[in-house]
Amino acid sequence: MVKNISGGKRAKAVGRKFETAAPSRLRAAEDPAEMYAIVTKLWGNGLLQVTCADGESRKCVIRQKFKGRRQRDNHVSLGSALLVGLREFETHQNTVDLLEVYTSADVKRLRSLDPAWRLLLGDQDPMEDDAIDIVADTTDAAEEIDFDEI
C-alpha cells in the first residue's frame, strides 16, 4: 500500500479550494481604450450604468470573472470606482466591460498617481462618507412659535 505523505485527510485542501491571494499591484489605465468610471445606476442581470472619465454615460457589462464565489473583493455598488474597457469591435462605443473594481484605499492611491481621477471626481471622493456636506438650518424653531397663543 502507498504511504500517505500528504499529511492526513483532504479536508483542509477542500476547505481552501476557493481562497485566492490578494493582488499585490494596483492596476491603472494603460491603454487608450481603458478609462475610469463611477457607477450611477444598477440595472441588474450583470448590467450597470456608469459615468466615464470623458463625461459620457455608458452601459457596463459585468464579466463572469466578477460573478459567483469570492465576489467580496469585487462587490459593485452605487458610487463604486471602476476601471472599464471600451469595446473596440463595436461601432457605437456605448457599451463597456468591467476590468477592475477599486476600493477606497485604491482610489486614494490612484488620485495621487493619475490626473484622470481628478477630472472625473473633482474635489469630492464618492467612497468617503463625509463627501456630502449637509447644511443645517440655524434658525431656532422654538423662537418662532408663540406659546402664549396656544
N, C-alpha and C. Protein backbone atom coordinates (compact mmCIF):
# COMPACT_ATOMS: atom_id res chain seq x y z
N MET A 1 0.84 -1.18 0.00
CA MET A 1 0.00 0.00 0.00
C MET A 1 0.89 1.25 0.00
N VAL A 2 0.45 2.30 -0.70
CA VAL A 2 1.21 3.53 -0.84
C VAL A 2 1.11 4.35 0.44
N LYS A 3 2.23 4.89 0.87
CA LYS A 3 2.25 5.69 2.09
C LYS A 3 1.61 7.06 1.83
N ASN A 4 0.78 7.50 2.77
CA ASN A 4 0.11 8.79 2.67
C ASN A 4 1.08 9.88 3.12
N ILE A 5 1.67 10.59 2.18
CA ILE A 5 2.64 11.62 2.53
C ILE A 5 2.03 13.01 2.55
N SER A 6 0.74 13.12 2.24
CA SER A 6 0.11 14.44 2.19
C SER A 6 -0.21 14.97 3.58
N GLY A 7 -0.14 14.16 4.60
CA GLY A 7 -0.35 14.66 5.95
C GLY A 7 -1.77 14.54 6.45
N GLY A 8 -2.49 13.56 6.02
CA GLY A 8 -3.83 13.37 6.57
C GLY A 8 -4.90 13.45 5.51
N LYS A 9 -6.09 13.83 5.99
CA LYS A 9 -7.23 13.88 5.09
C LYS A 9 -7.18 15.13 4.21
N ARG A 10 -8.03 15.13 3.22
CA ARG A 10 -8.05 16.23 2.28
C ARG A 10 -8.97 17.35 2.72
N ALA A 11 -9.50 17.32 3.91
CA ALA A 11 -10.49 18.30 4.35
C ALA A 11 -9.94 19.72 4.29
N LYS A 12 -8.69 19.88 4.68
CA LYS A 12 -8.09 21.21 4.67
C LYS A 12 -7.95 21.73 3.24
N ALA A 13 -7.53 20.89 2.34
CA ALA A 13 -7.36 21.30 0.95
C ALA A 13 -8.69 21.65 0.30
N VAL A 14 -9.73 20.91 0.63
CA VAL A 14 -11.05 21.19 0.07
C VAL A 14 -11.59 22.48 0.65
N GLY A 15 -11.35 22.73 1.93
CA GLY A 15 -11.83 23.94 2.56
C GLY A 15 -11.19 25.19 2.01
N ARG A 16 -9.98 25.08 1.50
CA ARG A 16 -9.28 26.24 0.96
C ARG A 16 -9.33 26.29 -0.57
N LYS A 17 -10.26 25.59 -1.13
CA LYS A 17 -10.32 25.47 -2.58
C LYS A 17 -10.55 26.82 -3.27
N PHE A 18 -11.40 27.68 -2.68
CA PHE A 18 -11.78 28.91 -3.34
C PHE A 18 -11.04 30.13 -2.78
N GLU A 19 -10.02 29.94 -1.98
CA GLU A 19 -9.24 31.05 -1.47
C GLU A 19 -8.18 31.43 -2.48
N THR A 20 -8.05 32.72 -2.68
CA THR A 20 -7.00 33.21 -3.56
C THR A 20 -6.26 34.33 -2.83
N ALA A 21 -5.04 34.54 -3.20
CA ALA A 21 -4.25 35.60 -2.59
C ALA A 21 -4.68 36.94 -3.18
N ALA A 22 -4.59 37.98 -2.37
CA ALA A 22 -4.95 39.32 -2.83
C ALA A 22 -3.91 39.80 -3.84
N PRO A 23 -4.36 40.50 -4.87
CA PRO A 23 -3.39 41.00 -5.85
C PRO A 23 -2.48 42.04 -5.20
N SER A 24 -1.20 41.99 -5.54
CA SER A 24 -0.24 42.85 -4.89
C SER A 24 -0.09 44.20 -5.57
N ARG A 25 -0.39 44.27 -6.84
CA ARG A 25 -0.17 45.54 -7.51
C ARG A 25 -1.50 46.14 -7.95
N LEU A 26 -1.51 47.45 -8.03
CA LEU A 26 -2.71 48.20 -8.39
C LEU A 26 -2.74 48.37 -9.90
N ARG A 27 -3.86 48.02 -10.50
CA ARG A 27 -3.98 48.12 -11.95
C ARG A 27 -4.50 49.50 -12.32
N ALA A 28 -3.78 50.19 -13.16
CA ALA A 28 -4.17 51.51 -13.64
C ALA A 28 -4.48 51.43 -15.13
N ALA A 29 -5.09 52.47 -15.66
CA ALA A 29 -5.41 52.51 -17.09
C ALA A 29 -4.13 52.68 -17.88
N GLU A 30 -3.84 51.72 -18.76
CA GLU A 30 -2.63 51.75 -19.56
C GLU A 30 -2.91 51.96 -21.04
N ASP A 31 -4.05 51.48 -21.50
CA ASP A 31 -4.42 51.54 -22.90
C ASP A 31 -5.38 52.71 -23.11
N PRO A 32 -5.41 53.33 -24.28
CA PRO A 32 -6.38 54.41 -24.52
C PRO A 32 -7.83 53.93 -24.47
N ALA A 33 -8.05 52.64 -24.65
CA ALA A 33 -9.42 52.10 -24.60
C ALA A 33 -9.87 51.82 -23.17
N GLU A 34 -8.97 51.97 -22.19
CA GLU A 34 -9.33 51.79 -20.79
C GLU A 34 -9.54 53.15 -20.14
N MET A 35 -10.59 53.26 -19.34
CA MET A 35 -10.84 54.52 -18.64
C MET A 35 -11.51 54.26 -17.30
N TYR A 36 -11.45 55.26 -16.45
CA TYR A 36 -12.05 55.17 -15.12
C TYR A 36 -13.51 55.56 -15.20
N ALA A 37 -14.31 54.99 -14.27
CA ALA A 37 -15.74 55.27 -14.28
C ALA A 37 -16.29 55.16 -12.87
N ILE A 38 -17.45 55.77 -12.66
CA ILE A 38 -18.19 55.72 -11.40
C ILE A 38 -19.57 55.14 -11.70
N VAL A 39 -20.05 54.22 -10.86
CA VAL A 39 -21.36 53.59 -11.05
C VAL A 39 -22.45 54.59 -10.69
N THR A 40 -23.40 54.80 -11.62
CA THR A 40 -24.51 55.72 -11.35
C THR A 40 -25.84 54.98 -11.20
N LYS A 41 -25.99 53.82 -11.82
CA LYS A 41 -27.22 53.03 -11.69
C LYS A 41 -26.90 51.56 -11.74
N LEU A 42 -27.65 50.77 -10.98
CA LEU A 42 -27.56 49.31 -11.03
C LEU A 42 -28.80 48.79 -11.73
N TRP A 43 -28.63 48.16 -12.88
CA TRP A 43 -29.77 47.68 -13.63
C TRP A 43 -30.10 46.22 -13.33
N GLY A 44 -29.16 45.45 -12.85
CA GLY A 44 -29.40 44.03 -12.61
C GLY A 44 -29.00 43.21 -13.82
N ASN A 45 -28.98 41.89 -13.65
CA ASN A 45 -28.60 40.97 -14.73
C ASN A 45 -27.18 41.22 -15.22
N GLY A 46 -26.32 41.69 -14.34
CA GLY A 46 -24.94 41.92 -14.72
C GLY A 46 -24.72 43.18 -15.53
N LEU A 47 -25.65 44.15 -15.44
CA LEU A 47 -25.53 45.40 -16.19
C LEU A 47 -25.54 46.59 -15.24
N LEU A 48 -24.78 47.61 -15.57
CA LEU A 48 -24.68 48.84 -14.79
C LEU A 48 -24.73 50.02 -15.73
N GLN A 49 -25.01 51.18 -15.18
CA GLN A 49 -24.81 52.42 -15.91
C GLN A 49 -23.68 53.15 -15.22
N VAL A 50 -22.67 53.55 -15.98
CA VAL A 50 -21.50 54.22 -15.42
C VAL A 50 -21.30 55.55 -16.12
N THR A 51 -20.69 56.48 -15.39
CA THR A 51 -20.25 57.74 -15.96
C THR A 51 -18.75 57.66 -16.11
N CYS A 52 -18.27 57.73 -17.33
CA CYS A 52 -16.85 57.55 -17.62
C CYS A 52 -16.10 58.86 -17.44
N ALA A 53 -14.78 58.78 -17.53
CA ALA A 53 -13.91 59.94 -17.32
C ALA A 53 -14.10 61.00 -18.40
N ASP A 54 -14.58 60.61 -19.58
CA ASP A 54 -14.82 61.59 -20.63
C ASP A 54 -16.17 62.27 -20.51
N GLY A 55 -16.94 61.93 -19.44
CA GLY A 55 -18.21 62.60 -19.18
C GLY A 55 -19.42 61.91 -19.76
N GLU A 56 -19.22 60.85 -20.53
CA GLU A 56 -20.35 60.15 -21.15
C GLU A 56 -20.89 59.07 -20.23
N SER A 57 -22.19 58.83 -20.34
CA SER A 57 -22.84 57.76 -19.58
C SER A 57 -22.94 56.54 -20.49
N ARG A 58 -22.46 55.40 -20.00
CA ARG A 58 -22.43 54.18 -20.81
C ARG A 58 -22.97 52.99 -20.04
N LYS A 59 -23.35 51.96 -20.81
CA LYS A 59 -23.77 50.69 -20.22
C LYS A 59 -22.54 49.84 -19.97
N CYS A 60 -22.43 49.29 -18.75
CA CYS A 60 -21.28 48.47 -18.38
C CYS A 60 -21.74 47.04 -18.16
N VAL A 61 -21.00 46.09 -18.70
CA VAL A 61 -21.30 44.67 -18.57
C VAL A 61 -20.33 44.07 -17.55
N ILE A 62 -20.89 43.41 -16.51
CA ILE A 62 -20.05 42.73 -15.52
C ILE A 62 -19.67 41.37 -16.10
N ARG A 63 -18.37 41.15 -16.28
CA ARG A 63 -17.91 39.90 -16.86
C ARG A 63 -18.05 38.77 -15.85
N GLN A 64 -17.97 37.54 -16.32
CA GLN A 64 -18.15 36.35 -15.48
C GLN A 64 -17.07 36.27 -14.40
N LYS A 65 -15.92 36.85 -14.64
CA LYS A 65 -14.83 36.83 -13.67
C LYS A 65 -15.24 37.49 -12.35
N PHE A 66 -16.12 38.46 -12.40
CA PHE A 66 -16.53 39.21 -11.22
C PHE A 66 -17.80 38.68 -10.58
N LYS A 67 -18.32 37.56 -11.07
CA LYS A 67 -19.56 36.99 -10.53
C LYS A 67 -19.24 35.71 -9.76
N GLY A 68 -20.18 35.26 -8.98
CA GLY A 68 -20.04 33.96 -8.32
C GLY A 68 -19.34 34.05 -6.98
N ARG A 69 -18.66 32.97 -6.63
CA ARG A 69 -17.98 32.89 -5.34
C ARG A 69 -16.85 33.91 -5.24
N ARG A 70 -16.55 34.25 -4.02
CA ARG A 70 -15.45 35.15 -3.71
C ARG A 70 -15.59 36.51 -4.39
N GLN A 71 -16.81 37.04 -4.40
CA GLN A 71 -17.01 38.34 -5.01
C GLN A 71 -16.90 39.46 -3.99
N ARG A 72 -16.46 39.15 -2.77
CA ARG A 72 -16.35 40.17 -1.74
C ARG A 72 -15.41 41.29 -2.18
N ASP A 73 -14.31 40.96 -2.81
CA ASP A 73 -13.38 41.98 -3.28
C ASP A 73 -13.87 42.66 -4.55
N ASN A 74 -14.84 42.07 -5.21
CA ASN A 74 -15.34 42.61 -6.47
C ASN A 74 -16.75 43.15 -6.33
N HIS A 75 -17.14 43.52 -5.13
CA HIS A 75 -18.51 43.99 -4.91
C HIS A 75 -18.72 45.35 -5.57
N VAL A 76 -19.71 45.44 -6.43
CA VAL A 76 -20.01 46.67 -7.15
C VAL A 76 -21.29 47.24 -6.58
N SER A 77 -21.25 48.48 -6.12
CA SER A 77 -22.43 49.15 -5.60
C SER A 77 -22.50 50.56 -6.18
N LEU A 78 -23.55 51.27 -5.83
CA LEU A 78 -23.74 52.61 -6.33
C LEU A 78 -22.61 53.51 -5.84
N GLY A 79 -21.94 54.20 -6.74
CA GLY A 79 -20.83 55.08 -6.39
C GLY A 79 -19.48 54.39 -6.38
N SER A 80 -19.42 53.12 -6.77
CA SER A 80 -18.14 52.41 -6.80
C SER A 80 -17.26 52.94 -7.92
N ALA A 81 -15.96 52.90 -7.69
CA ALA A 81 -14.99 53.33 -8.69
C ALA A 81 -14.53 52.10 -9.46
N LEU A 82 -14.50 52.21 -10.79
CA LEU A 82 -14.20 51.08 -11.65
C LEU A 82 -13.18 51.45 -12.72
N LEU A 83 -12.55 50.45 -13.26
CA LEU A 83 -11.77 50.58 -14.49
C LEU A 83 -12.55 49.80 -15.55
N VAL A 84 -12.91 50.48 -16.62
CA VAL A 84 -13.70 49.85 -17.68
C VAL A 84 -12.94 49.93 -18.98
N GLY A 85 -13.28 49.02 -19.90
CA GLY A 85 -12.65 48.98 -21.21
C GLY A 85 -13.67 49.17 -22.31
N LEU A 86 -13.39 50.07 -23.24
CA LEU A 86 -14.27 50.28 -24.38
C LEU A 86 -14.20 49.08 -25.31
N ARG A 87 -15.31 48.80 -25.93
CA ARG A 87 -15.35 47.71 -26.90
C ARG A 87 -14.95 48.28 -28.26
N GLU A 88 -13.74 47.96 -28.68
CA GLU A 88 -13.22 48.50 -29.93
C GLU A 88 -13.86 47.85 -31.15
N PHE A 89 -14.44 46.67 -30.97
CA PHE A 89 -15.04 45.97 -32.10
C PHE A 89 -16.45 46.46 -32.39
N GLU A 90 -17.01 47.32 -31.53
CA GLU A 90 -18.34 47.88 -31.78
C GLU A 90 -18.19 49.28 -32.36
N THR A 91 -19.15 49.66 -33.18
CA THR A 91 -19.07 50.97 -33.83
C THR A 91 -19.66 52.08 -32.96
N HIS A 92 -20.64 51.77 -32.10
CA HIS A 92 -21.32 52.81 -31.33
C HIS A 92 -20.57 53.23 -30.08
N GLN A 93 -19.76 52.35 -29.51
CA GLN A 93 -18.97 52.63 -28.30
C GLN A 93 -19.85 53.02 -27.10
N ASN A 94 -21.06 52.46 -27.01
CA ASN A 94 -21.94 52.75 -25.88
C ASN A 94 -21.85 51.69 -24.79
N THR A 95 -21.14 50.60 -25.02
CA THR A 95 -21.02 49.52 -24.07
C THR A 95 -19.56 49.35 -23.67
N VAL A 96 -19.35 49.18 -22.35
CA VAL A 96 -18.00 48.96 -21.84
C VAL A 96 -18.01 47.69 -21.00
N ASP A 97 -16.84 47.11 -20.79
CA ASP A 97 -16.69 45.91 -19.96
C ASP A 97 -15.97 46.27 -18.68
N LEU A 98 -16.37 45.63 -17.59
CA LEU A 98 -15.73 45.86 -16.30
C LEU A 98 -14.39 45.16 -16.26
N LEU A 99 -13.33 45.90 -15.92
CA LEU A 99 -11.98 45.33 -15.86
C LEU A 99 -11.44 45.25 -14.44
N GLU A 100 -11.81 46.21 -13.58
CA GLU A 100 -11.27 46.25 -12.22
C GLU A 100 -12.24 47.02 -11.33
N VAL A 101 -12.36 46.56 -10.07
CA VAL A 101 -13.14 47.25 -9.05
C VAL A 101 -12.17 47.78 -8.02
N TYR A 102 -12.24 49.08 -7.73
CA TYR A 102 -11.30 49.70 -6.80
C TYR A 102 -11.93 49.89 -5.43
N THR A 103 -11.12 49.72 -4.39
CA THR A 103 -11.55 50.03 -3.02
C THR A 103 -11.26 51.50 -2.76
N SER A 104 -11.68 51.99 -1.58
CA SER A 104 -11.45 53.40 -1.26
C SER A 104 -9.96 53.69 -1.11
N ALA A 105 -9.19 52.72 -0.61
CA ALA A 105 -7.74 52.91 -0.49
C ALA A 105 -7.09 52.98 -1.87
N ASP A 106 -7.58 52.17 -2.81
CA ASP A 106 -7.05 52.21 -4.17
C ASP A 106 -7.34 53.54 -4.84
N VAL A 107 -8.54 54.09 -4.58
CA VAL A 107 -8.91 55.37 -5.19
C VAL A 107 -7.99 56.47 -4.67
N LYS A 108 -7.67 56.44 -3.39
CA LYS A 108 -6.76 57.46 -2.84
C LYS A 108 -5.38 57.37 -3.48
N ARG A 109 -4.90 56.15 -3.69
CA ARG A 109 -3.59 55.98 -4.34
C ARG A 109 -3.64 56.42 -5.80
N LEU A 110 -4.74 56.11 -6.50
CA LEU A 110 -4.85 56.47 -7.91
C LEU A 110 -5.02 57.97 -8.10
N ARG A 111 -5.67 58.63 -7.16
CA ARG A 111 -5.85 60.08 -7.28
C ARG A 111 -4.51 60.80 -7.27
N SER A 112 -3.57 60.28 -6.49
CA SER A 112 -2.25 60.91 -6.45
C SER A 112 -1.42 60.56 -7.68
N LEU A 113 -1.69 59.41 -8.30
CA LEU A 113 -0.88 58.96 -9.45
C LEU A 113 -1.40 59.46 -10.79
N ASP A 114 -2.73 59.47 -10.96
CA ASP A 114 -3.30 59.69 -12.28
C ASP A 114 -4.19 60.94 -12.29
N PRO A 115 -3.93 61.90 -13.17
CA PRO A 115 -4.76 63.11 -13.21
C PRO A 115 -6.17 62.87 -13.75
N ALA A 116 -6.43 61.72 -14.38
CA ALA A 116 -7.77 61.44 -14.89
C ALA A 116 -8.78 61.33 -13.76
N TRP A 117 -8.35 60.89 -12.60
CA TRP A 117 -9.27 60.80 -11.45
C TRP A 117 -9.70 62.17 -10.99
N ARG A 118 -8.80 63.14 -11.04
CA ARG A 118 -9.17 64.49 -10.61
C ARG A 118 -10.20 65.08 -11.56
N LEU A 119 -10.10 64.76 -12.85
CA LEU A 119 -11.09 65.23 -13.80
C LEU A 119 -12.45 64.58 -13.55
N LEU A 120 -12.43 63.29 -13.20
CA LEU A 120 -13.67 62.55 -13.00
C LEU A 120 -14.35 62.91 -11.69
N LEU A 121 -13.57 62.98 -10.61
CA LEU A 121 -14.14 63.18 -9.29
C LEU A 121 -14.15 64.63 -8.84
N GLY A 122 -13.26 65.44 -9.34
CA GLY A 122 -13.14 66.80 -8.84
C GLY A 122 -12.52 66.75 -7.46
N ASP A 123 -13.07 67.52 -6.53
CA ASP A 123 -12.54 67.53 -5.17
C ASP A 123 -13.24 66.52 -4.28
N GLN A 124 -14.38 65.98 -4.73
CA GLN A 124 -15.12 65.03 -3.90
C GLN A 124 -14.70 63.61 -4.22
N ASP A 125 -14.74 62.77 -3.19
CA ASP A 125 -14.43 61.36 -3.32
C ASP A 125 -15.71 60.59 -3.00
N PRO A 126 -16.31 59.85 -3.93
CA PRO A 126 -17.58 59.18 -3.66
C PRO A 126 -17.45 58.04 -2.66
N MET A 127 -16.23 57.57 -2.39
CA MET A 127 -16.05 56.47 -1.46
C MET A 127 -16.01 56.94 -0.01
N GLU A 128 -15.87 58.23 0.23
CA GLU A 128 -15.80 58.73 1.59
C GLU A 128 -17.20 59.06 2.08
N ASP A 129 -17.44 58.85 3.38
CA ASP A 129 -18.75 59.11 3.96
C ASP A 129 -19.01 60.60 4.13
N ASP A 130 -17.96 61.39 4.35
CA ASP A 130 -18.16 62.81 4.60
C ASP A 130 -18.07 63.63 3.31
N ALA A 131 -18.24 63.00 2.17
CA ALA A 131 -18.15 63.71 0.90
C ALA A 131 -19.35 64.63 0.69
N ILE A 132 -20.48 64.29 1.28
CA ILE A 132 -21.68 65.09 1.13
C ILE A 132 -21.82 65.97 2.36
N ASP A 133 -21.81 67.27 2.16
CA ASP A 133 -21.95 68.20 3.27
C ASP A 133 -23.43 68.54 3.43
N ILE A 134 -23.93 68.38 4.63
CA ILE A 134 -25.32 68.71 4.93
C ILE A 134 -25.33 70.04 5.66
N VAL A 135 -26.04 70.99 5.10
CA VAL A 135 -26.11 72.31 5.70
C VAL A 135 -27.34 72.34 6.59
N ALA A 136 -27.13 72.58 7.87
CA ALA A 136 -28.23 72.61 8.83
C ALA A 136 -28.83 74.01 8.89
N ASP A 137 -30.12 74.07 9.15
CA ASP A 137 -30.81 75.34 9.31
C ASP A 137 -30.48 75.89 10.69
N THR A 138 -29.97 77.11 10.76
CA THR A 138 -29.51 77.65 12.04
C THR A 138 -30.60 78.39 12.80
N THR A 139 -31.77 78.56 12.22
CA THR A 139 -32.84 79.26 12.94
C THR A 139 -33.42 78.36 13.99
N ASP A 140 -33.75 78.93 15.12
CA ASP A 140 -34.34 78.17 16.21
C ASP A 140 -35.84 78.07 16.01
N ALA A 141 -36.35 76.87 15.99
CA ALA A 141 -37.79 76.67 15.81
C ALA A 141 -38.55 77.12 17.05
N ALA A 142 -37.93 77.07 18.23
CA ALA A 142 -38.61 77.45 19.46
C ALA A 142 -38.85 78.95 19.52
N GLU A 143 -38.00 79.76 18.91
CA GLU A 143 -38.18 81.20 18.93
C GLU A 143 -39.32 81.63 18.03
N GLU A 144 -39.62 80.90 16.99
CA GLU A 144 -40.66 81.28 16.05
C GLU A 144 -42.06 80.95 16.57
N ILE A 145 -42.19 80.02 17.48
CA ILE A 145 -43.50 79.60 17.99
C ILE A 145 -43.86 80.46 19.19
N ASP A 146 -45.05 81.05 19.16
CA ASP A 146 -45.52 81.85 20.28
C ASP A 146 -46.37 80.96 21.16
N PHE A 147 -45.85 80.60 22.34
CA PHE A 147 -46.55 79.67 23.22
C PHE A 147 -47.72 80.30 23.94
N ASP A 148 -47.81 81.63 23.98
CA ASP A 148 -48.93 82.30 24.66
C ASP A 148 -50.23 82.12 23.88
N GLU A 149 -50.12 81.97 22.58
CA GLU A 149 -51.34 81.82 21.75
C GLU A 149 -51.90 80.42 21.81
N ILE A 150 -51.15 79.48 22.30
CA ILE A 150 -51.60 78.07 22.33
C ILE A 150 -52.49 77.81 23.49
